[in-house]
N, C-alpha and C. Protein backbone atom coordinates (compact mmCIF):
# COMPACT_ATOMS: atom_id res chain seq x y z
N UNK A 1 8.73 -1.58 -19.58
CA UNK A 1 9.19 -2.67 -18.73
C UNK A 1 8.21 -3.83 -18.81
N UNK A 2 8.72 -5.00 -18.60
CA UNK A 2 7.87 -6.19 -18.67
C UNK A 2 7.22 -6.48 -17.32
N UNK A 3 6.27 -7.37 -17.32
CA UNK A 3 5.56 -7.79 -16.13
C UNK A 3 6.51 -8.41 -15.13
N UNK A 4 7.52 -9.13 -15.64
CA UNK A 4 8.40 -9.86 -14.74
C UNK A 4 7.62 -10.96 -14.05
N UNK A 5 8.32 -11.82 -13.39
CA UNK A 5 7.65 -12.92 -12.72
C UNK A 5 8.49 -13.41 -11.55
N UNK A 6 7.84 -13.58 -10.41
CA UNK A 6 8.49 -14.17 -9.25
C UNK A 6 8.58 -15.68 -9.46
N UNK A 7 9.33 -16.40 -8.65
CA UNK A 7 9.36 -17.86 -8.77
C UNK A 7 7.96 -18.49 -8.65
N UNK A 8 7.05 -17.81 -7.96
CA UNK A 8 5.68 -18.30 -7.81
C UNK A 8 4.80 -17.91 -8.99
N UNK A 9 5.33 -17.12 -9.90
CA UNK A 9 4.59 -16.72 -11.09
C UNK A 9 3.84 -15.41 -10.97
N UNK A 10 4.04 -14.67 -9.89
CA UNK A 10 3.34 -13.39 -9.71
C UNK A 10 4.07 -12.26 -10.41
N UNK A 11 3.33 -11.26 -10.83
CA UNK A 11 3.94 -10.04 -11.36
C UNK A 11 4.81 -9.44 -10.26
N UNK A 12 6.02 -9.02 -10.62
CA UNK A 12 6.95 -8.49 -9.63
C UNK A 12 6.36 -7.28 -8.91
N UNK A 13 5.72 -6.38 -9.62
CA UNK A 13 5.11 -5.20 -9.00
C UNK A 13 4.10 -5.60 -7.94
N UNK A 14 3.25 -6.56 -8.24
CA UNK A 14 2.27 -7.05 -7.28
C UNK A 14 2.96 -7.67 -6.08
N UNK A 15 3.95 -8.52 -6.33
CA UNK A 15 4.63 -9.23 -5.26
C UNK A 15 5.31 -8.27 -4.28
N UNK A 16 6.04 -7.30 -4.82
CA UNK A 16 6.80 -6.39 -3.97
C UNK A 16 5.89 -5.39 -3.27
N UNK A 17 4.95 -4.80 -4.00
CA UNK A 17 4.18 -3.68 -3.46
C UNK A 17 2.97 -4.07 -2.62
N UNK A 18 2.38 -5.25 -2.82
CA UNK A 18 1.21 -5.58 -2.01
C UNK A 18 1.26 -6.99 -1.42
N UNK A 19 1.73 -7.99 -2.16
CA UNK A 19 1.75 -9.33 -1.57
C UNK A 19 2.68 -9.38 -0.36
N UNK A 20 3.86 -8.76 -0.47
CA UNK A 20 4.81 -8.78 0.65
C UNK A 20 4.24 -8.06 1.88
N UNK A 21 3.72 -6.83 1.75
CA UNK A 21 3.15 -6.19 2.94
C UNK A 21 1.95 -6.95 3.50
N UNK A 22 1.14 -7.52 2.61
CA UNK A 22 -0.02 -8.29 3.06
C UNK A 22 0.43 -9.51 3.87
N UNK A 23 1.38 -10.25 3.34
CA UNK A 23 1.87 -11.44 4.04
C UNK A 23 2.53 -11.08 5.37
N UNK A 24 3.34 -10.05 5.38
CA UNK A 24 3.97 -9.62 6.63
C UNK A 24 2.90 -9.25 7.66
N UNK A 25 1.87 -8.54 7.23
CA UNK A 25 0.78 -8.17 8.12
C UNK A 25 0.10 -9.41 8.68
N UNK A 26 -0.18 -10.36 7.81
CA UNK A 26 -0.89 -11.56 8.23
C UNK A 26 -0.07 -12.43 9.18
N UNK A 27 1.24 -12.42 9.03
CA UNK A 27 2.08 -13.38 9.75
C UNK A 27 2.78 -12.84 10.99
N UNK A 28 2.83 -11.53 11.17
CA UNK A 28 3.50 -10.98 12.36
C UNK A 28 2.53 -10.92 13.53
N UNK A 29 3.11 -10.85 14.75
CA UNK A 29 2.29 -10.57 15.92
C UNK A 29 1.79 -9.14 15.75
N UNK A 30 0.59 -8.89 16.19
CA UNK A 30 0.01 -7.56 16.00
C UNK A 30 0.83 -6.50 16.74
N UNK A 31 1.33 -5.54 15.99
CA UNK A 31 2.09 -4.45 16.63
C UNK A 31 1.14 -3.36 17.11
N UNK A 32 1.69 -2.34 17.70
CA UNK A 32 0.85 -1.21 18.12
C UNK A 32 0.52 -0.31 16.93
N UNK A 33 1.47 -0.21 15.98
CA UNK A 33 1.27 0.68 14.84
C UNK A 33 1.78 0.01 13.57
N UNK A 34 1.09 0.27 12.48
CA UNK A 34 1.51 -0.17 11.16
C UNK A 34 1.47 1.04 10.23
N UNK A 35 2.51 1.19 9.43
CA UNK A 35 2.56 2.26 8.45
C UNK A 35 2.89 1.62 7.11
N UNK A 36 2.00 1.81 6.15
CA UNK A 36 2.17 1.25 4.82
C UNK A 36 2.57 2.36 3.86
N UNK A 37 3.60 2.11 3.05
CA UNK A 37 4.04 3.12 2.09
C UNK A 37 3.29 2.96 0.78
N UNK A 38 2.69 4.03 0.36
CA UNK A 38 1.93 4.04 -0.88
C UNK A 38 2.49 5.13 -1.78
N UNK A 39 1.63 5.73 -2.56
CA UNK A 39 2.02 6.77 -3.50
C UNK A 39 0.77 7.54 -3.90
N UNK A 40 0.94 8.82 -4.20
CA UNK A 40 -0.17 9.59 -4.73
C UNK A 40 -0.69 9.00 -6.02
N UNK A 41 0.14 8.21 -6.69
CA UNK A 41 -0.29 7.55 -7.92
C UNK A 41 -1.37 6.50 -7.68
N UNK A 42 -1.62 6.17 -6.40
CA UNK A 42 -2.68 5.20 -6.10
C UNK A 42 -4.03 5.68 -6.62
N UNK A 43 -4.18 6.98 -6.76
CA UNK A 43 -5.46 7.52 -7.24
C UNK A 43 -5.72 7.14 -8.69
N UNK A 44 -4.70 6.75 -9.43
CA UNK A 44 -4.87 6.30 -10.81
C UNK A 44 -5.06 4.80 -10.92
N UNK A 45 -5.17 4.12 -9.79
CA UNK A 45 -5.27 2.66 -9.81
C UNK A 45 -6.66 2.10 -9.60
N UNK A 46 -7.66 2.96 -9.58
CA UNK A 46 -9.00 2.45 -9.34
C UNK A 46 -9.44 1.54 -10.47
N UNK A 47 -10.00 0.41 -10.08
CA UNK A 47 -10.43 -0.54 -11.08
C UNK A 47 -10.86 -1.86 -10.47
N UNK A 48 -11.04 -2.87 -11.29
CA UNK A 48 -11.54 -4.16 -10.82
C UNK A 48 -10.47 -4.96 -10.07
N UNK A 49 -10.93 -5.93 -9.30
CA UNK A 49 -10.03 -6.80 -8.55
C UNK A 49 -9.93 -8.20 -9.16
N UNK A 50 -10.45 -8.39 -10.36
CA UNK A 50 -10.51 -9.74 -10.92
C UNK A 50 -9.23 -10.18 -11.63
N UNK A 51 -8.24 -9.29 -11.75
CA UNK A 51 -6.98 -9.67 -12.38
C UNK A 51 -5.81 -8.97 -11.69
N UNK A 52 -5.68 -9.22 -10.38
CA UNK A 52 -4.61 -8.60 -9.59
C UNK A 52 -3.24 -8.82 -10.20
N UNK A 53 -3.05 -10.00 -10.77
CA UNK A 53 -1.74 -10.44 -11.22
C UNK A 53 -1.44 -10.17 -12.69
N UNK A 54 -2.34 -9.48 -13.36
CA UNK A 54 -2.13 -9.10 -14.76
C UNK A 54 -1.86 -10.32 -15.65
N UNK A 55 -2.67 -11.36 -15.46
CA UNK A 55 -2.52 -12.54 -16.31
C UNK A 55 -3.48 -12.50 -17.49
N UNK A 56 -4.58 -11.73 -17.39
CA UNK A 56 -5.55 -11.65 -18.48
C UNK A 56 -5.49 -10.32 -19.23
N UNK A 57 -4.95 -9.31 -18.60
CA UNK A 57 -4.86 -7.99 -19.25
C UNK A 57 -3.48 -7.82 -19.88
N UNK A 58 -3.44 -6.95 -20.88
CA UNK A 58 -2.15 -6.57 -21.48
C UNK A 58 -1.38 -5.75 -20.45
N UNK A 59 -0.12 -6.10 -20.24
CA UNK A 59 0.69 -5.46 -19.21
C UNK A 59 0.81 -3.96 -19.42
N UNK A 60 0.60 -3.21 -18.35
CA UNK A 60 0.80 -1.78 -18.33
C UNK A 60 1.48 -1.48 -16.99
N UNK A 61 2.79 -1.26 -17.03
CA UNK A 61 3.57 -1.09 -15.82
C UNK A 61 3.12 0.06 -14.95
N UNK A 62 2.77 1.18 -15.57
CA UNK A 62 2.30 2.33 -14.80
C UNK A 62 1.00 2.05 -14.10
N UNK A 63 0.09 1.44 -14.81
CA UNK A 63 -1.21 1.10 -14.21
C UNK A 63 -1.05 0.03 -13.12
N UNK A 64 -0.19 -0.96 -13.36
CA UNK A 64 0.05 -2.01 -12.35
C UNK A 64 0.61 -1.39 -11.07
N UNK A 65 1.52 -0.43 -11.22
CA UNK A 65 2.09 0.25 -10.06
C UNK A 65 0.99 1.00 -9.31
N UNK A 66 0.19 1.78 -10.04
CA UNK A 66 -0.89 2.55 -9.42
C UNK A 66 -1.87 1.63 -8.69
N UNK A 67 -2.24 0.52 -9.33
CA UNK A 67 -3.15 -0.43 -8.69
C UNK A 67 -2.54 -0.99 -7.41
N UNK A 68 -1.27 -1.38 -7.48
CA UNK A 68 -0.63 -1.97 -6.30
C UNK A 68 -0.61 -0.98 -5.14
N UNK A 69 -0.41 0.29 -5.44
CA UNK A 69 -0.39 1.31 -4.39
C UNK A 69 -1.80 1.60 -3.88
N UNK A 70 -2.82 1.48 -4.73
CA UNK A 70 -4.21 1.56 -4.27
C UNK A 70 -4.49 0.43 -3.28
N UNK A 71 -4.03 -0.77 -3.62
CA UNK A 71 -4.24 -1.92 -2.74
C UNK A 71 -3.57 -1.71 -1.38
N UNK A 72 -2.42 -1.07 -1.37
CA UNK A 72 -1.71 -0.82 -0.11
C UNK A 72 -2.55 0.10 0.78
N UNK A 73 -3.12 1.15 0.21
CA UNK A 73 -3.95 2.06 1.00
C UNK A 73 -5.19 1.31 1.51
N UNK A 74 -5.81 0.54 0.66
CA UNK A 74 -6.99 -0.23 1.08
C UNK A 74 -6.62 -1.23 2.17
N UNK A 75 -5.46 -1.85 2.08
CA UNK A 75 -5.00 -2.78 3.12
C UNK A 75 -4.84 -2.04 4.44
N UNK A 76 -4.20 -0.88 4.43
CA UNK A 76 -4.02 -0.11 5.66
C UNK A 76 -5.36 0.20 6.30
N UNK A 77 -6.33 0.60 5.49
CA UNK A 77 -7.65 0.95 6.01
C UNK A 77 -8.41 -0.29 6.51
N UNK A 78 -8.26 -1.41 5.80
CA UNK A 78 -8.92 -2.65 6.23
C UNK A 78 -8.38 -3.11 7.58
N UNK A 79 -7.07 -3.03 7.73
CA UNK A 79 -6.45 -3.41 9.01
C UNK A 79 -6.93 -2.48 10.11
N UNK A 80 -7.03 -1.19 9.84
CA UNK A 80 -7.53 -0.24 10.83
C UNK A 80 -8.95 -0.60 11.28
N UNK A 81 -9.77 -1.04 10.35
CA UNK A 81 -11.15 -1.43 10.70
C UNK A 81 -11.19 -2.73 11.48
N UNK A 82 -10.37 -3.70 11.09
CA UNK A 82 -10.44 -5.04 11.68
C UNK A 82 -9.66 -5.18 12.98
N UNK A 83 -8.58 -4.45 13.11
CA UNK A 83 -7.73 -4.56 14.29
C UNK A 83 -7.78 -3.23 15.04
N UNK A 84 -8.79 -3.04 15.85
CA UNK A 84 -9.00 -1.74 16.50
C UNK A 84 -7.87 -1.36 17.45
N UNK A 85 -7.11 -2.33 17.93
CA UNK A 85 -6.01 -2.04 18.85
C UNK A 85 -4.72 -1.62 18.13
N UNK A 86 -4.72 -1.67 16.80
CA UNK A 86 -3.55 -1.31 16.00
C UNK A 86 -3.83 -0.01 15.25
N UNK A 87 -2.89 0.93 15.33
CA UNK A 87 -2.99 2.15 14.54
C UNK A 87 -2.40 1.85 13.17
N UNK A 88 -3.21 1.90 12.14
CA UNK A 88 -2.80 1.51 10.79
C UNK A 88 -3.07 2.66 9.82
N UNK A 89 -2.02 3.14 9.17
CA UNK A 89 -2.13 4.28 8.27
C UNK A 89 -1.31 4.04 7.01
N UNK A 90 -1.64 4.78 5.96
CA UNK A 90 -0.90 4.74 4.70
C UNK A 90 -0.24 6.10 4.49
N UNK A 91 0.97 6.07 3.88
CA UNK A 91 1.75 7.28 3.68
C UNK A 91 2.24 7.36 2.24
N UNK A 92 2.17 8.56 1.70
CA UNK A 92 2.82 8.88 0.43
C UNK A 92 4.07 9.67 0.79
N UNK A 93 5.27 9.06 0.69
CA UNK A 93 6.49 9.78 1.04
C UNK A 93 6.90 10.80 -0.01
N UNK A 94 6.28 10.77 -1.18
CA UNK A 94 6.68 11.64 -2.27
C UNK A 94 7.73 10.95 -3.13
N UNK A 95 8.16 11.66 -4.15
CA UNK A 95 9.19 11.16 -5.06
C UNK A 95 10.53 11.52 -4.43
N UNK A 96 11.14 10.55 -3.78
CA UNK A 96 12.31 10.77 -2.93
C UNK A 96 13.61 10.42 -3.66
N UNK A 97 14.64 11.23 -3.41
CA UNK A 97 15.97 10.98 -3.98
C UNK A 97 16.60 9.76 -3.33
N UNK A 98 16.38 8.62 -3.93
CA UNK A 98 16.97 7.36 -3.52
C UNK A 98 17.48 6.67 -4.77
N UNK A 99 18.03 5.47 -4.61
CA UNK A 99 18.43 4.73 -5.81
C UNK A 99 17.22 4.46 -6.70
N UNK A 100 16.08 4.19 -6.10
CA UNK A 100 14.88 3.96 -6.89
C UNK A 100 14.34 5.27 -7.48
N UNK A 101 14.28 6.32 -6.67
CA UNK A 101 13.71 7.59 -7.10
C UNK A 101 14.61 8.36 -8.05
N UNK A 102 15.90 8.15 -7.92
CA UNK A 102 16.85 8.83 -8.78
C UNK A 102 17.29 10.17 -8.24
N UNK A 103 18.36 10.68 -8.81
CA UNK A 103 18.96 11.93 -8.36
C UNK A 103 18.10 13.14 -8.66
N UNK A 104 17.21 13.06 -9.64
CA UNK A 104 16.39 14.22 -9.99
C UNK A 104 15.09 14.31 -9.18
N UNK A 105 14.84 13.35 -8.29
CA UNK A 105 13.63 13.41 -7.47
C UNK A 105 13.66 14.66 -6.60
N UNK A 106 12.52 15.33 -6.43
CA UNK A 106 12.49 16.61 -5.72
C UNK A 106 12.51 16.54 -4.20
N UNK A 107 12.29 15.36 -3.61
CA UNK A 107 12.16 15.25 -2.15
C UNK A 107 13.41 14.59 -1.56
N UNK A 108 14.00 15.24 -0.55
CA UNK A 108 15.17 14.65 0.11
C UNK A 108 14.71 13.53 1.05
N UNK A 109 15.63 12.70 1.46
CA UNK A 109 15.30 11.53 2.27
C UNK A 109 14.66 11.92 3.60
N UNK A 110 15.18 12.94 4.27
CA UNK A 110 14.62 13.34 5.56
C UNK A 110 13.15 13.76 5.42
N UNK A 111 12.84 14.54 4.41
CA UNK A 111 11.45 14.95 4.18
C UNK A 111 10.58 13.75 3.83
N UNK A 112 11.12 12.86 2.99
CA UNK A 112 10.37 11.68 2.60
C UNK A 112 10.05 10.76 3.76
N UNK A 113 10.93 10.73 4.76
CA UNK A 113 10.75 9.83 5.91
C UNK A 113 10.00 10.47 7.07
N UNK A 114 9.80 11.76 7.05
CA UNK A 114 9.24 12.48 8.20
C UNK A 114 7.86 11.98 8.61
N UNK A 115 6.97 11.78 7.67
CA UNK A 115 5.60 11.42 8.02
C UNK A 115 5.52 10.03 8.63
N UNK A 116 6.17 9.05 8.01
CA UNK A 116 6.10 7.71 8.59
C UNK A 116 6.82 7.64 9.93
N UNK A 117 7.89 8.41 10.09
CA UNK A 117 8.58 8.46 11.39
C UNK A 117 7.67 9.03 12.46
N UNK A 118 6.98 10.11 12.13
CA UNK A 118 6.04 10.72 13.07
C UNK A 118 4.92 9.75 13.43
N UNK A 119 4.35 9.08 12.43
CA UNK A 119 3.27 8.12 12.69
C UNK A 119 3.76 6.95 13.54
N UNK A 120 5.01 6.57 13.38
CA UNK A 120 5.55 5.42 14.09
C UNK A 120 5.79 5.68 15.57
N UNK A 121 6.15 6.90 15.94
CA UNK A 121 6.60 7.11 17.32
C UNK A 121 5.93 8.24 18.08
N UNK A 122 5.29 9.17 17.42
CA UNK A 122 4.78 10.35 18.11
C UNK A 122 3.54 10.04 18.95
N UNK A 123 3.53 10.58 20.15
CA UNK A 123 2.34 10.47 20.99
C UNK A 123 1.18 11.24 20.38
N UNK A 124 1.48 12.22 19.53
CA UNK A 124 0.43 13.00 18.86
C UNK A 124 -0.20 12.26 17.68
N UNK A 125 0.44 11.18 17.26
CA UNK A 125 -0.02 10.44 16.07
C UNK A 125 -0.88 9.25 16.48
N UNK A 126 -1.93 9.49 17.24
CA UNK A 126 -2.82 8.43 17.70
C UNK A 126 -4.03 8.37 16.78
N UNK A 127 -3.77 8.15 15.49
CA UNK A 127 -4.82 8.11 14.48
C UNK A 127 -4.72 6.78 13.74
N UNK A 128 -5.81 6.40 13.10
CA UNK A 128 -5.80 5.15 12.35
C UNK A 128 -6.74 5.26 11.15
N UNK A 129 -6.44 4.47 10.13
CA UNK A 129 -7.28 4.44 8.95
C UNK A 129 -7.23 5.73 8.15
N UNK A 130 -6.04 6.33 8.05
CA UNK A 130 -5.91 7.60 7.34
C UNK A 130 -4.80 7.50 6.28
N UNK A 131 -4.83 8.44 5.37
CA UNK A 131 -3.83 8.55 4.30
C UNK A 131 -3.09 9.86 4.51
N UNK A 132 -1.75 9.80 4.53
CA UNK A 132 -0.92 10.94 4.89
C UNK A 132 0.11 11.27 3.81
N UNK A 133 0.41 12.56 3.73
CA UNK A 133 1.49 13.06 2.87
C UNK A 133 2.03 14.33 3.51
N UNK A 134 3.34 14.41 3.69
CA UNK A 134 3.99 15.60 4.27
C UNK A 134 3.34 16.04 5.58
N UNK A 135 3.15 15.08 6.48
CA UNK A 135 2.61 15.33 7.82
C UNK A 135 1.19 15.86 7.83
N UNK A 136 0.47 15.70 6.73
CA UNK A 136 -0.91 16.15 6.66
C UNK A 136 -1.79 15.04 6.10
N UNK A 137 -2.99 14.95 6.64
CA UNK A 137 -3.94 13.97 6.14
C UNK A 137 -4.46 14.44 4.79
N UNK A 138 -4.58 13.50 3.85
CA UNK A 138 -5.16 13.78 2.54
C UNK A 138 -6.27 12.79 2.26
N UNK A 139 -7.12 13.13 1.34
CA UNK A 139 -8.19 12.23 0.92
C UNK A 139 -7.59 11.15 0.03
N UNK A 140 -7.89 9.89 0.31
CA UNK A 140 -7.42 8.81 -0.55
C UNK A 140 -8.35 8.61 -1.74
N UNK A 141 -7.96 7.73 -2.63
CA UNK A 141 -8.85 7.33 -3.72
C UNK A 141 -10.14 6.76 -3.12
N UNK A 142 -11.23 7.03 -3.81
CA UNK A 142 -12.55 6.58 -3.34
C UNK A 142 -12.58 5.09 -3.03
N UNK A 143 -12.04 4.27 -3.94
CA UNK A 143 -12.08 2.83 -3.72
C UNK A 143 -11.32 2.41 -2.47
N UNK A 144 -10.20 3.03 -2.19
CA UNK A 144 -9.40 2.65 -1.02
C UNK A 144 -10.19 2.83 0.27
N UNK A 145 -11.05 3.83 0.31
CA UNK A 145 -11.83 4.13 1.51
C UNK A 145 -13.12 3.32 1.61
N UNK A 146 -13.44 2.54 0.60
CA UNK A 146 -14.68 1.77 0.55
C UNK A 146 -14.50 0.43 1.28
N UNK A 147 -15.19 0.22 2.41
CA UNK A 147 -15.05 -1.04 3.15
C UNK A 147 -15.35 -2.28 2.32
N UNK A 148 -16.30 -2.21 1.41
CA UNK A 148 -16.62 -3.37 0.57
C UNK A 148 -15.44 -3.69 -0.36
N UNK A 149 -14.81 -2.66 -0.92
CA UNK A 149 -13.62 -2.87 -1.75
C UNK A 149 -12.49 -3.46 -0.91
N UNK A 150 -12.29 -2.94 0.28
CA UNK A 150 -11.25 -3.45 1.17
C UNK A 150 -11.47 -4.94 1.46
N UNK A 151 -12.71 -5.30 1.77
CA UNK A 151 -13.01 -6.70 2.08
C UNK A 151 -12.79 -7.60 0.86
N UNK A 152 -13.20 -7.15 -0.32
CA UNK A 152 -12.98 -7.95 -1.54
C UNK A 152 -11.48 -8.08 -1.82
N UNK A 153 -10.73 -7.01 -1.60
CA UNK A 153 -9.28 -7.09 -1.78
C UNK A 153 -8.67 -8.11 -0.83
N UNK A 154 -9.05 -8.08 0.43
CA UNK A 154 -8.51 -9.05 1.38
C UNK A 154 -8.85 -10.49 0.96
N UNK A 155 -10.05 -10.69 0.45
CA UNK A 155 -10.44 -12.03 -0.04
C UNK A 155 -9.54 -12.45 -1.20
N UNK A 156 -9.31 -11.54 -2.14
CA UNK A 156 -8.46 -11.85 -3.31
C UNK A 156 -7.01 -12.11 -2.87
N UNK A 157 -6.51 -11.32 -1.93
CA UNK A 157 -5.14 -11.52 -1.45
C UNK A 157 -5.02 -12.84 -0.69
N UNK A 158 -6.04 -13.20 0.06
CA UNK A 158 -6.02 -14.49 0.76
C UNK A 158 -6.04 -15.64 -0.24
N UNK A 159 -6.84 -15.52 -1.30
CA UNK A 159 -6.87 -16.54 -2.34
C UNK A 159 -5.52 -16.65 -3.03
N UNK A 160 -4.89 -15.52 -3.30
CA UNK A 160 -3.62 -15.48 -4.03
C UNK A 160 -2.48 -16.05 -3.20
N UNK A 161 -2.48 -15.76 -1.89
CA UNK A 161 -1.35 -16.16 -1.03
C UNK A 161 -1.60 -17.43 -0.23
N UNK A 162 -2.87 -17.77 -0.04
CA UNK A 162 -3.19 -18.91 0.83
C UNK A 162 -3.14 -18.55 2.30
N UNK A 163 -3.04 -17.25 2.62
CA UNK A 163 -2.95 -16.77 4.00
C UNK A 163 -4.00 -15.69 4.18
N UNK A 164 -4.74 -15.76 5.29
CA UNK A 164 -5.76 -14.75 5.56
C UNK A 164 -5.30 -13.81 6.67
N UNK A 165 -5.69 -12.54 6.55
CA UNK A 165 -5.43 -11.57 7.61
C UNK A 165 -6.53 -11.72 8.63
């Protein structure tokens, strides 16, 4: 697949997977809880922040996806650190049978939605700055948990969008 391009010139993967959640976070009134959808593939996205938009590197769709999902986890954790009154977590719903996931995906919709639903409404889900899969906390990629990486990512996203969180 190609890089694609939004009307603003951004890689479609970047725009959909991280610029949109970042902008929504920056522009909405602070809610009580935020849940960001990521992927276990975020662990394959560790790398530099100097070419978020894949303008200098040769396009690699799989790597771009993994990087964008790493950024989502780092965003969730950065928000958890900066907005102490907001519960902010990242979730891997798994490979879910949807139009995007396809009919051969192993996870049904109810299972795929269970963790984010629990985080959104449960009185027992009073946690923040965590990475979840199948109602259990998991260790995220090292970079996602690094506050310095989170801060550099927020700086790069602010530069890219013109909006700061």
